[in-house]
Amino acid sequence: LAGRVAGAGMTDVTAAQDVAEALALARASRADNESILVTGSFLTVAGA
């Protein structure tokens, strides 16, 4: 998925094994003025 997102021209793209790991990475790196959006599938929201 990260390869396809980067291929669409996006930058600062990280890969995670699953949604739980992705949430941990997003929380660890976000700034105070940033929020976290979880999206893309029912499976993604259910995983969160």
All heavy atoms as atom14 arrays in JSON, in Angstrom:
{
  "sequence": "LAGRVAGAGMTDVTAAQDVAEALALARASRADNESILVTGSFLTVAGA",
  "atom14_mask": [
    [1, 1, 1, 1, 1, 1, 1, 1, 0, 0, 0, 0, 0, 0],
    [1, 1, 1, 1, 1, 0, 0, 0, 0, 0, 0, 0, 0, 0],
    [1, 1, 1, 1, 0, 0, 0, 0, 0, 0, 0, 0, 0, 0],
    [1, 1, 1, 1, 1, 1, 1, 1, 1, 1, 1, 0, 0, 0],
    [1, 1, 1, 1, 1, 1, 1, 0, 0, 0, 0, 0, 0, 0],
    [1, 1, 1, 1, 1, 0, 0, 0, 0, 0, 0, 0, 0, 0],
    [1, 1, 1, 1, 0, 0, 0, 0, 0, 0, 0, 0, 0, 0],
    [1, 1, 1, 1, 1, 0, 0, 0, 0, 0, 0, 0, 0, 0],
    [1, 1, 1, 1, 0, 0, 0, 0, 0, 0, 0, 0, 0, 0],
    [1, 1, 1, 1, 1, 1, 1, 1, 0, 0, 0, 0, 0, 0],
    [1, 1, 1, 1, 1, 1, 1, 0, 0, 0, 0, 0, 0, 0],
    [1, 1, 1, 1, 1, 1, 1, 1, 0, 0, 0, 0, 0, 0],
    [1, 1, 1, 1, 1, 1, 1, 0, 0, 0, 0, 0, 0, 0],
    [1, 1, 1, 1, 1, 1, 1, 0, 0, 0, 0, 0, 0, 0],
    [1, 1, 1, 1, 1, 0, 0, 0, 0, 0, 0, 0, 0, 0],
    [1, 1, 1, 1, 1, 0, 0, 0, 0, 0, 0, 0, 0, 0],
    [1, 1, 1, 1, 1, 1, 1, 1, 1, 0, 0, 0, 0, 0],
    [1, 1, 1, 1, 1, 1, 1, 1, 0, 0, 0, 0, 0, 0],
    [1, 1, 1, 1, 1, 1, 1, 0, 0, 0, 0, 0, 0, 0],
    [1, 1, 1, 1, 1, 0, 0, 0, 0, 0, 0, 0, 0, 0],
    [1, 1, 1, 1, 1, 1, 1, 1, 1, 0, 0, 0, 0, 0],
    [1, 1, 1, 1, 1, 0, 0, 0, 0, 0, 0, 0, 0, 0],
    [1, 1, 1, 1, 1, 1, 1, 1, 0, 0, 0, 0, 0, 0],
    [1, 1, 1, 1, 1, 0, 0, 0, 0, 0, 0, 0, 0, 0],
    [1, 1, 1, 1, 1, 1, 1, 1, 0, 0, 0, 0, 0, 0],
    [1, 1, 1, 1, 1, 0, 0, 0, 0, 0, 0, 0, 0, 0],
    [1, 1, 1, 1, 1, 1, 1, 1, 1, 1, 1, 0, 0, 0],
    [1, 1, 1, 1, 1, 0, 0, 0, 0, 0, 0, 0, 0, 0],
    [1, 1, 1, 1, 1, 1, 0, 0, 0, 0, 0, 0, 0, 0],
    [1, 1, 1, 1, 1, 1, 1, 1, 1, 1, 1, 0, 0, 0],
    [1, 1, 1, 1, 1, 0, 0, 0, 0, 0, 0, 0, 0, 0],
    [1, 1, 1, 1, 1, 1, 1, 1, 0, 0, 0, 0, 0, 0],
    [1, 1, 1, 1, 1, 1, 1, 1, 0, 0, 0, 0, 0, 0],
    [1, 1, 1, 1, 1, 1, 1, 1, 1, 0, 0, 0, 0, 0],
    [1, 1, 1, 1, 1, 1, 0, 0, 0, 0, 0, 0, 0, 0],
    [1, 1, 1, 1, 1, 1, 1, 1, 0, 0, 0, 0, 0, 0],
    [1, 1, 1, 1, 1, 1, 1, 1, 0, 0, 0, 0, 0, 0],
    [1, 1, 1, 1, 1, 1, 1, 0, 0, 0, 0, 0, 0, 0],
    [1, 1, 1, 1, 1, 1, 1, 0, 0, 0, 0, 0, 0, 0],
    [1, 1, 1, 1, 0, 0, 0, 0, 0, 0, 0, 0, 0, 0],
    [1, 1, 1, 1, 1, 1, 0, 0, 0, 0, 0, 0, 0, 0],
    [1, 1, 1, 1, 1, 1, 1, 1, 1, 1, 1, 0, 0, 0],
    [1, 1, 1, 1, 1, 1, 1, 1, 0, 0, 0, 0, 0, 0],
    [1, 1, 1, 1, 1, 1, 1, 0, 0, 0, 0, 0, 0, 0],
    [1, 1, 1, 1, 1, 1, 1, 0, 0, 0, 0, 0, 0, 0],
    [1, 1, 1, 1, 1, 0, 0, 0, 0, 0, 0, 0, 0, 0],
    [1, 1, 1, 1, 0, 0, 0, 0, 0, 0, 0, 0, 0, 0],
    [1, 1, 1, 1, 1, 0, 0, 0, 0, 0, 0, 0, 0, 0]
  ],
  "atom14_positions": [
    [[0.83, -1.2, 0.0], [0.0, 0.0, 0.0], [0.87, 1.25, 0.0], [0.59, 2.21, -0.74], [-0.93, 0.0, 1.21], [-1.85, 1.21, 1.38], [-2.77, 1.37, 0.17], [-2.69, 1.08, 2.66], [0.0, 0.0, 0.0], [0.0, 0.0, 0.0], [0.0, 0.0, 0.0], [0.0, 0.0, 0.0], [0.0, 0.0, 0.0], [0.0, 0.0, 0.0]],
    [[1.93, 1.25, 0.79], [2.82, 2.42, 0.84], [3.44, 2.68, -0.52], [3.6, 3.84, -0.93], [3.91, 2.2, 1.89], [0.0, 0.0, 0.0], [0.0, 0.0, 0.0], [0.0, 0.0, 0.0], [0.0, 0.0, 0.0], [0.0, 0.0, 0.0], [0.0, 0.0, 0.0], [0.0, 0.0, 0.0], [0.0, 0.0, 0.0], [0.0, 0.0, 0.0]],
    [[3.77, 1.62, -1.26], [4.32, 1.8, -2.6], [3.34, 2.46, -3.54], [3.71, 3.34, -4.33], [0.0, 0.0, 0.0], [0.0, 0.0, 0.0], [0.0, 0.0, 0.0], [0.0, 0.0, 0.0], [0.0, 0.0, 0.0], [0.0, 0.0, 0.0], [0.0, 0.0, 0.0], [0.0, 0.0, 0.0], [0.0, 0.0, 0.0], [0.0, 0.0, 0.0]],
    [[2.07, 2.09, -3.44], [1.06, 2.71, -4.3], [0.79, 4.16, -3.9], [0.59, 5.02, -4.77], [-0.23, 1.89, -4.27], [-0.1, 0.52, -4.95], [-1.39, -0.27, -4.95], [-2.45, 0.4, -5.71], [-3.65, -0.14, -5.93], [-3.92, -1.35, -5.43], [-4.56, 0.51, -6.63], [0.0, 0.0, 0.0], [0.0, 0.0, 0.0], [0.0, 0.0, 0.0]],
    [[0.78, 4.43, -2.6], [0.56, 5.8, -2.14], [1.72, 6.7, -2.56], [1.51, 7.81, -3.07], [0.35, 5.82, -0.61], [0.35, 7.26, -0.08], [-0.95, 5.12, -0.24], [0.0, 0.0, 0.0], [0.0, 0.0, 0.0], [0.0, 0.0, 0.0], [0.0, 0.0, 0.0], [0.0, 0.0, 0.0], [0.0, 0.0, 0.0], [0.0, 0.0, 0.0]],
    [[2.94, 6.23, -2.38], [4.11, 7.0, -2.81], [4.12, 7.17, -4.32], [4.48, 8.24, -4.85], [5.39, 6.32, -2.34], [0.0, 0.0, 0.0], [0.0, 0.0, 0.0], [0.0, 0.0, 0.0], [0.0, 0.0, 0.0], [0.0, 0.0, 0.0], [0.0, 0.0, 0.0], [0.0, 0.0, 0.0], [0.0, 0.0, 0.0], [0.0, 0.0, 0.0]],
    [[3.7, 6.12, -5.03], [3.63, 6.2, -6.49], [2.62, 7.21, -6.99], [2.7, 7.67, -8.13], [0.0, 0.0, 0.0], [0.0, 0.0, 0.0], [0.0, 0.0, 0.0], [0.0, 0.0, 0.0], [0.0, 0.0, 0.0], [0.0, 0.0, 0.0], [0.0, 0.0, 0.0], [0.0, 0.0, 0.0], [0.0, 0.0, 0.0], [0.0, 0.0, 0.0]],
    [[1.65, 7.57, -6.13], [0.66, 8.59, -6.49], [1.16, 9.99, -6.2], [0.42, 10.96, -6.35], [-0.63, 8.33, -5.74], [0.0, 0.0, 0.0], [0.0, 0.0, 0.0], [0.0, 0.0, 0.0], [0.0, 0.0, 0.0], [0.0, 0.0, 0.0], [0.0, 0.0, 0.0], [0.0, 0.0, 0.0], [0.0, 0.0, 0.0], [0.0, 0.0, 0.0]],
    [[2.43, 10.1, -5.77], [3.02, 11.41, -5.55], [3.04, 11.87, -4.11], [3.43, 13.01, -3.82], [0.0, 0.0, 0.0], [0.0, 0.0, 0.0], [0.0, 0.0, 0.0], [0.0, 0.0, 0.0], [0.0, 0.0, 0.0], [0.0, 0.0, 0.0], [0.0, 0.0, 0.0], [0.0, 0.0, 0.0], [0.0, 0.0, 0.0], [0.0, 0.0, 0.0]],
    [[2.66, 11.01, -3.15], [2.63, 11.4, -1.76], [4.03, 11.27, -1.15], [4.83, 10.42, -1.56], [1.65, 10.54, -0.96], [0.23, 10.5, -1.5], [-0.56, 12.11, -1.64], [-0.71, 12.25, -3.43], [0.0, 0.0, 0.0], [0.0, 0.0, 0.0], [0.0, 0.0, 0.0], [0.0, 0.0, 0.0], [0.0, 0.0, 0.0], [0.0, 0.0, 0.0]],
    [[4.33, 12.1, -0.17], [5.6, 12.05, 0.55], [5.34, 11.76, 2.02], [4.19, 11.81, 2.49], [6.36, 13.38, 0.42], [5.54, 14.44, 0.92], [6.69, 13.65, -1.05], [0.0, 0.0, 0.0], [0.0, 0.0, 0.0], [0.0, 0.0, 0.0], [0.0, 0.0, 0.0], [0.0, 0.0, 0.0], [0.0, 0.0, 0.0], [0.0, 0.0, 0.0]],
    [[6.41, 11.46, 2.76], [6.34, 11.09, 4.18], [5.38, 9.93, 4.36], [4.37, 10.02, 5.07], [5.92, 12.29, 5.03], [6.24, 12.09, 6.52], [6.67, 10.97, 6.88], [6.04, 13.02, 7.3], [0.0, 0.0, 0.0], [0.0, 0.0, 0.0], [0.0, 0.0, 0.0], [0.0, 0.0, 0.0], [0.0, 0.0, 0.0], [0.0, 0.0, 0.0]],
    [[5.68, 8.82, 3.68], [4.84, 7.63, 3.69], [5.57, 6.52, 4.44], [6.71, 6.18, 4.11], [4.52, 7.16, 2.26], [3.61, 5.93, 2.28], [3.87, 8.28, 1.45], [0.0, 0.0, 0.0], [0.0, 0.0, 0.0], [0.0, 0.0, 0.0], [0.0, 0.0, 0.0], [0.0, 0.0, 0.0], [0.0, 0.0, 0.0], [0.0, 0.0, 0.0]],
    [[4.92, 5.94, 5.43], [5.48, 4.86, 6.25], [4.58, 3.64, 6.14], [3.36, 3.77, 6.0], [5.57, 5.3, 7.72], [6.32, 6.5, 7.81], [6.23, 4.23, 8.58], [0.0, 0.0, 0.0], [0.0, 0.0, 0.0], [0.0, 0.0, 0.0], [0.0, 0.0, 0.0], [0.0, 0.0, 0.0], [0.0, 0.0, 0.0], [0.0, 0.0, 0.0]],
    [[5.16, 2.45, 6.22], [4.4, 1.21, 6.18], [4.33, 0.59, 7.57], [5.26, 0.71, 8.37], [5.04, 0.22, 5.21], [0.0, 0.0, 0.0], [0.0, 0.0, 0.0], [0.0, 0.0, 0.0], [0.0, 0.0, 0.0], [0.0, 0.0, 0.0], [0.0, 0.0, 0.0], [0.0, 0.0, 0.0], [0.0, 0.0, 0.0], [0.0, 0.0, 0.0]],
    [[3.19, -0.07, 7.85], [3.01, -0.78, 9.12], [2.4, -2.14, 8.82], [1.7, -2.32, 7.83], [2.11, 0.02, 10.05], [0.0, 0.0, 0.0], [0.0, 0.0, 0.0], [0.0, 0.0, 0.0], [0.0, 0.0, 0.0], [0.0, 0.0, 0.0], [0.0, 0.0, 0.0], [0.0, 0.0, 0.0], [0.0, 0.0, 0.0], [0.0, 0.0, 0.0]],
    [[2.65, -3.08, 9.71], [2.16, -4.43, 9.49], [0.63, -4.49, 9.55], [0.0, -5.2, 8.76], [2.75, -5.37, 10.55], [2.29, -6.82, 10.4], [2.98, -7.74, 11.4], [3.97, -7.37, 12.02], [2.44, -8.94, 11.56], [0.0, 0.0, 0.0], [0.0, 0.0, 0.0], [0.0, 0.0, 0.0], [0.0, 0.0, 0.0], [0.0, 0.0, 0.0]],
    [[0.03, -3.77, 10.48], [-1.42, -3.8, 10.63], [-1.88, -2.46, 11.19], [-1.08, -1.53, 11.4], [-1.85, -4.96, 11.54], [-1.13, -4.94, 12.89], [-0.7, -3.86, 13.34], [-1.0, -6.02, 13.5], [0.0, 0.0, 0.0], [0.0, 0.0, 0.0], [0.0, 0.0, 0.0], [0.0, 0.0, 0.0], [0.0, 0.0, 0.0], [0.0, 0.0, 0.0]],
    [[-3.18, -2.36, 11.44], [-3.74, -1.08, 11.88], [-3.23, -0.7, 13.26], [-2.94, 0.48, 13.53], [-5.28, -1.13, 11.85], [-5.88, 0.15, 12.41], [-5.78, -1.36, 10.42], [0.0, 0.0, 0.0], [0.0, 0.0, 0.0], [0.0, 0.0, 0.0], [0.0, 0.0, 0.0], [0.0, 0.0, 0.0], [0.0, 0.0, 0.0], [0.0, 0.0, 0.0]],
    [[-3.11, -1.66, 14.16], [-2.63, -1.36, 15.5], [-1.23, -0.75, 15.46], [-0.95, 0.26, 16.14], [-2.64, -2.62, 16.36], [0.0, 0.0, 0.0], [0.0, 0.0, 0.0], [0.0, 0.0, 0.0], [0.0, 0.0, 0.0], [0.0, 0.0, 0.0], [0.0, 0.0, 0.0], [0.0, 0.0, 0.0], [0.0, 0.0, 0.0], [0.0, 0.0, 0.0]],
    [[-0.35, -1.33, 14.67], [1.0, -0.77, 14.55], [0.97, 0.59, 13.88], [1.71, 1.51, 14.28], [1.9, -1.72, 13.76], [3.34, -1.23, 13.66], [4.23, -2.14, 12.83], [3.73, -3.18, 12.33], [5.41, -1.81, 12.68], [0.0, 0.0, 0.0], [0.0, 0.0, 0.0], [0.0, 0.0, 0.0], [0.0, 0.0, 0.0], [0.0, 0.0, 0.0]],
    [[0.12, 0.76, 12.89], [0.01, 2.05, 12.21], [-0.45, 3.14, 13.17], [0.05, 4.27, 13.15], [-0.96, 1.94, 11.03], [0.0, 0.0, 0.0], [0.0, 0.0, 0.0], [0.0, 0.0, 0.0], [0.0, 0.0, 0.0], [0.0, 0.0, 0.0], [0.0, 0.0, 0.0], [0.0, 0.0, 0.0], [0.0, 0.0, 0.0], [0.0, 0.0, 0.0]],
    [[-1.4, 2.83, 14.04], [-1.86, 3.8, 15.02], [-0.74, 4.19, 15.98], [-0.56, 5.38, 16.3], [-3.03, 3.22, 15.83], [-4.4, 3.22, 15.17], [-5.42, 2.53, 16.07], [-4.85, 4.63, 14.87], [0.0, 0.0, 0.0], [0.0, 0.0, 0.0], [0.0, 0.0, 0.0], [0.0, 0.0, 0.0], [0.0, 0.0, 0.0], [0.0, 0.0, 0.0]],
    [[0.03, 3.21, 16.41], [1.14, 3.51, 17.32], [2.16, 4.42, 16.66], [2.66, 5.37, 17.28], [1.79, 2.2, 17.78], [0.0, 0.0, 0.0], [0.0, 0.0, 0.0], [0.0, 0.0, 0.0], [0.0, 0.0, 0.0], [0.0, 0.0, 0.0], [0.0, 0.0, 0.0], [0.0, 0.0, 0.0], [0.0, 0.0, 0.0], [0.0, 0.0, 0.0]],
    [[2.46, 4.17, 15.39], [3.42, 5.02, 14.68], [2.87, 6.43, 14.5], [3.61, 7.42, 14.65], [3.74, 4.39, 13.32], [4.56, 3.1, 13.34], [4.63, 2.5, 11.94], [5.96, 3.37, 13.87], [0.0, 0.0, 0.0], [0.0, 0.0, 0.0], [0.0, 0.0, 0.0], [0.0, 0.0, 0.0], [0.0, 0.0, 0.0], [0.0, 0.0, 0.0]],
    [[1.59, 6.54, 14.16], [1.0, 7.87, 13.95], [0.98, 8.67, 15.25], [1.28, 9.86, 15.27], [-0.41, 7.73, 13.39], [0.0, 0.0, 0.0], [0.0, 0.0, 0.0], [0.0, 0.0, 0.0], [0.0, 0.0, 0.0], [0.0, 0.0, 0.0], [0.0, 0.0, 0.0], [0.0, 0.0, 0.0], [0.0, 0.0, 0.0], [0.0, 0.0, 0.0]],
    [[0.66, 8.01, 16.35], [0.61, 8.71, 17.63], [2.0, 9.14, 18.09], [2.17, 10.2, 18.68], [-0.04, 7.81, 18.67], [-1.55, 7.71, 18.54], [-2.15, 6.67, 19.45], [-3.61, 6.78, 19.49], [-4.42, 5.75, 19.66], [-3.94, 4.52, 19.78], [-5.71, 5.94, 19.7], [0.0, 0.0, 0.0], [0.0, 0.0, 0.0], [0.0, 0.0, 0.0]],
    [[2.98, 8.32, 17.8], [4.34, 8.62, 18.26], [4.96, 9.81, 17.53], [5.83, 10.49, 18.07], [5.22, 7.39, 18.1], [0.0, 0.0, 0.0], [0.0, 0.0, 0.0], [0.0, 0.0, 0.0], [0.0, 0.0, 0.0], [0.0, 0.0, 0.0], [0.0, 0.0, 0.0], [0.0, 0.0, 0.0], [0.0, 0.0, 0.0], [0.0, 0.0, 0.0]],
    [[4.49, 10.06, 16.3], [5.16, 11.07, 15.48], [4.37, 12.35, 15.27], [4.88, 13.31, 14.7], [5.47, 10.47, 14.1], [4.27, 10.07, 13.43], [0.0, 0.0, 0.0], [0.0, 0.0, 0.0], [0.0, 0.0, 0.0], [0.0, 0.0, 0.0], [0.0, 0.0, 0.0], [0.0, 0.0, 0.0], [0.0, 0.0, 0.0], [0.0, 0.0, 0.0]],
    [[3.13, 12.42, 15.74], [2.32, 13.58, 15.42], [2.72, 14.79, 16.26], [3.15, 14.67, 17.41], [0.84, 13.29, 15.59], [0.4, 13.12, 17.02], [-1.1, 13.1, 17.12], [-1.54, 12.68, 18.44], [-2.79, 12.74, 18.84], [-3.72, 13.18, 18.02], [-3.12, 12.35, 20.05], [0.0, 0.0, 0.0], [0.0, 0.0, 0.0], [0.0, 0.0, 0.0]],
    [[2.51, 15.96, 15.7], [2.74, 17.23, 16.4], [1.47, 17.64, 17.13], [0.38, 17.09, 16.91], [3.15, 18.3, 15.4], [0.0, 0.0, 0.0], [0.0, 0.0, 0.0], [0.0, 0.0, 0.0], [0.0, 0.0, 0.0], [0.0, 0.0, 0.0], [0.0, 0.0, 0.0], [0.0, 0.0, 0.0], [0.0, 0.0, 0.0], [0.0, 0.0, 0.0]],
    [[1.59, 18.65, 18.0], [0.45, 19.09, 18.81], [-0.71, 19.61, 17.98], [-1.86, 19.52, 18.39], [0.9, 20.17, 19.8], [1.8, 19.61, 20.9], [1.79, 18.39, 21.11], [2.52, 20.41, 21.53], [0.0, 0.0, 0.0], [0.0, 0.0, 0.0], [0.0, 0.0, 0.0], [0.0, 0.0, 0.0], [0.0, 0.0, 0.0], [0.0, 0.0, 0.0]],
    [[-0.4, 20.17, 16.81], [-1.46, 20.76, 15.98], [-1.97, 19.78, 14.93], [-2.63, 20.19, 13.98], [-0.96, 22.03, 15.31], [0.17, 21.76, 14.32], [0.82, 20.73, 14.41], [0.39, 22.69, 13.4], [0.0, 0.0, 0.0], [0.0, 0.0, 0.0], [0.0, 0.0, 0.0], [0.0, 0.0, 0.0], [0.0, 0.0, 0.0], [0.0, 0.0, 0.0]],
    [[-1.67, 18.51, 15.09], [-2.09, 17.5, 14.12], [-3.07, 16.52, 14.77], [-2.99, 16.24, 15.96], [-0.88, 16.75, 13.58], [0.05, 17.62, 12.75], [1.34, 16.9, 12.39], [1.66, 15.86, 13.0], [2.03, 17.39, 11.48], [0.0, 0.0, 0.0], [0.0, 0.0, 0.0], [0.0, 0.0, 0.0], [0.0, 0.0, 0.0], [0.0, 0.0, 0.0]],
    [[-3.97, 16.0, 13.94], [-4.92, 14.98, 14.37], [-4.69, 13.71, 13.55], [-3.96, 13.72, 12.56], [-6.36, 15.48, 14.19], [-6.6, 16.63, 14.96], [0.0, 0.0, 0.0], [0.0, 0.0, 0.0], [0.0, 0.0, 0.0], [0.0, 0.0, 0.0], [0.0, 0.0, 0.0], [0.0, 0.0, 0.0], [0.0, 0.0, 0.0], [0.0, 0.0, 0.0]],
    [[-5.32, 12.64, 13.97], [-5.15, 11.35, 13.29], [-6.47, 10.95, 12.64], [-7.51, 10.89, 13.29], [-4.69, 10.25, 14.27], [-3.32, 10.61, 14.86], [-4.62, 8.9, 13.56], [-2.85, 9.65, 15.92], [0.0, 0.0, 0.0], [0.0, 0.0, 0.0], [0.0, 0.0, 0.0], [0.0, 0.0, 0.0], [0.0, 0.0, 0.0], [0.0, 0.0, 0.0]],
    [[-6.4, 10.69, 11.34], [-7.53, 10.2, 10.57], [-7.27, 8.76, 10.19], [-6.22, 8.44, 9.64], [-7.72, 11.05, 9.3], [-8.68, 10.51, 8.24], [-10.1, 10.46, 8.77], [-8.62, 11.37, 6.98], [0.0, 0.0, 0.0], [0.0, 0.0, 0.0], [0.0, 0.0, 0.0], [0.0, 0.0, 0.0], [0.0, 0.0, 0.0], [0.0, 0.0, 0.0]],
    [[-8.23, 7.88, 10.49], [-8.14, 6.46, 10.13], [-9.19, 6.21, 9.05], [-10.39, 6.43, 9.28], [-8.4, 5.55, 11.34], [-8.32, 4.08, 10.94], [-7.4, 5.86, 12.45], [0.0, 0.0, 0.0], [0.0, 0.0, 0.0], [0.0, 0.0, 0.0], [0.0, 0.0, 0.0], [0.0, 0.0, 0.0], [0.0, 0.0, 0.0], [0.0, 0.0, 0.0]],
    [[-8.77, 5.73, 7.89], [-9.73, 5.63, 6.79], [-9.3, 4.58, 5.77], [-8.23, 3.99, 5.86], [-9.9, 7.01, 6.12], [-11.01, 6.97, 5.22], [-8.65, 7.43, 5.36], [0.0, 0.0, 0.0], [0.0, 0.0, 0.0], [0.0, 0.0, 0.0], [0.0, 0.0, 0.0], [0.0, 0.0, 0.0], [0.0, 0.0, 0.0], [0.0, 0.0, 0.0]],
    [[-10.17, 4.34, 4.77], [-9.84, 3.49, 3.64], [-10.65, 2.23, 3.5], [-10.71, 1.65, 2.42], [0.0, 0.0, 0.0], [0.0, 0.0, 0.0], [0.0, 0.0, 0.0], [0.0, 0.0, 0.0], [0.0, 0.0, 0.0], [0.0, 0.0, 0.0], [0.0, 0.0, 0.0], [0.0, 0.0, 0.0], [0.0, 0.0, 0.0], [0.0, 0.0, 0.0]],
    [[-11.3, 1.77, 4.6], [-12.01, 0.5, 4.53], [-12.76, 0.26, 5.84], [-12.37, 0.77, 6.9], [-11.02, -0.65, 4.3], [-11.66, -1.91, 4.42], [0.0, 0.0, 0.0], [0.0, 0.0, 0.0], [0.0, 0.0, 0.0], [0.0, 0.0, 0.0], [0.0, 0.0, 0.0], [0.0, 0.0, 0.0], [0.0, 0.0, 0.0], [0.0, 0.0, 0.0]],
    [[-13.82, -0.54, 5.78], [-14.44, -1.05, 6.99], [-13.41, -1.78, 7.84], [-13.41, -1.68, 9.07], [-15.59, -2.01, 6.64], [-16.92, -1.35, 6.44], [-17.3, -0.91, 5.18], [-17.81, -1.19, 7.49], [-18.53, -0.32, 4.98], [-19.04, -0.59, 7.3], [-19.41, -0.16, 6.04], [0.0, 0.0, 0.0], [0.0, 0.0, 0.0], [0.0, 0.0, 0.0]],
    [[-12.55, -2.56, 7.19], [-11.54, -3.33, 7.93], [-10.57, -2.43, 8.67], [-10.14, -2.76, 9.78], [-10.77, -4.23, 6.95], [-11.54, -5.37, 6.31], [-10.69, -6.06, 5.27], [-12.01, -6.37, 7.36], [0.0, 0.0, 0.0], [0.0, 0.0, 0.0], [0.0, 0.0, 0.0], [0.0, 0.0, 0.0], [0.0, 0.0, 0.0], [0.0, 0.0, 0.0]],
    [[-10.24, -1.29, 8.1], [-9.32, -0.35, 8.74], [-9.96, 0.25, 9.98], [-9.35, 0.32, 11.06], [-8.92, 0.77, 7.75], [-8.58, 0.18, 6.51], [-7.74, 1.56, 8.3], [0.0, 0.0, 0.0], [0.0, 0.0, 0.0], [0.0, 0.0, 0.0], [0.0, 0.0, 0.0], [0.0, 0.0, 0.0], [0.0, 0.0, 0.0], [0.0, 0.0, 0.0]],
    [[-11.2, 0.69, 9.86], [-11.91, 1.27, 11.0], [-12.11, 0.22, 12.07], [-11.92, 0.48, 13.26], [-13.23, 1.89, 10.54], [-14.09, 2.28, 11.74], [-12.98, 3.11, 9.66], [0.0, 0.0, 0.0], [0.0, 0.0, 0.0], [0.0, 0.0, 0.0], [0.0, 0.0, 0.0], [0.0, 0.0, 0.0], [0.0, 0.0, 0.0], [0.0, 0.0, 0.0]],
    [[-12.5, -0.99, 11.67], [-12.69, -2.07, 12.66], [-11.38, -2.37, 13.38], [-11.37, -2.58, 14.61], [-13.22, -3.32, 11.98], [0.0, 0.0, 0.0], [0.0, 0.0, 0.0], [0.0, 0.0, 0.0], [0.0, 0.0, 0.0], [0.0, 0.0, 0.0], [0.0, 0.0, 0.0], [0.0, 0.0, 0.0], [0.0, 0.0, 0.0], [0.0, 0.0, 0.0]],
    [[-10.27, -2.39, 12.65], [-8.98, -2.63, 13.28], [-8.63, -1.56, 14.3], [-8.08, -1.85, 15.37], [0.0, 0.0, 0.0], [0.0, 0.0, 0.0], [0.0, 0.0, 0.0], [0.0, 0.0, 0.0], [0.0, 0.0, 0.0], [0.0, 0.0, 0.0], [0.0, 0.0, 0.0], [0.0, 0.0, 0.0], [0.0, 0.0, 0.0], [0.0, 0.0, 0.0]],
    [[-8.97, -0.31, 13.99], [-8.71, 0.77, 14.93], [-9.58, 0.65, 16.18], [-9.11, 0.86, 17.31], [-8.95, 2.11, 14.26], [0.0, 0.0, 0.0], [0.0, 0.0, 0.0], [0.0, 0.0, 0.0], [0.0, 0.0, 0.0], [0.0, 0.0, 0.0], [0.0, 0.0, 0.0], [0.0, 0.0, 0.0], [0.0, 0.0, 0.0], [0.0, 0.0, 0.0]]
  ]
}
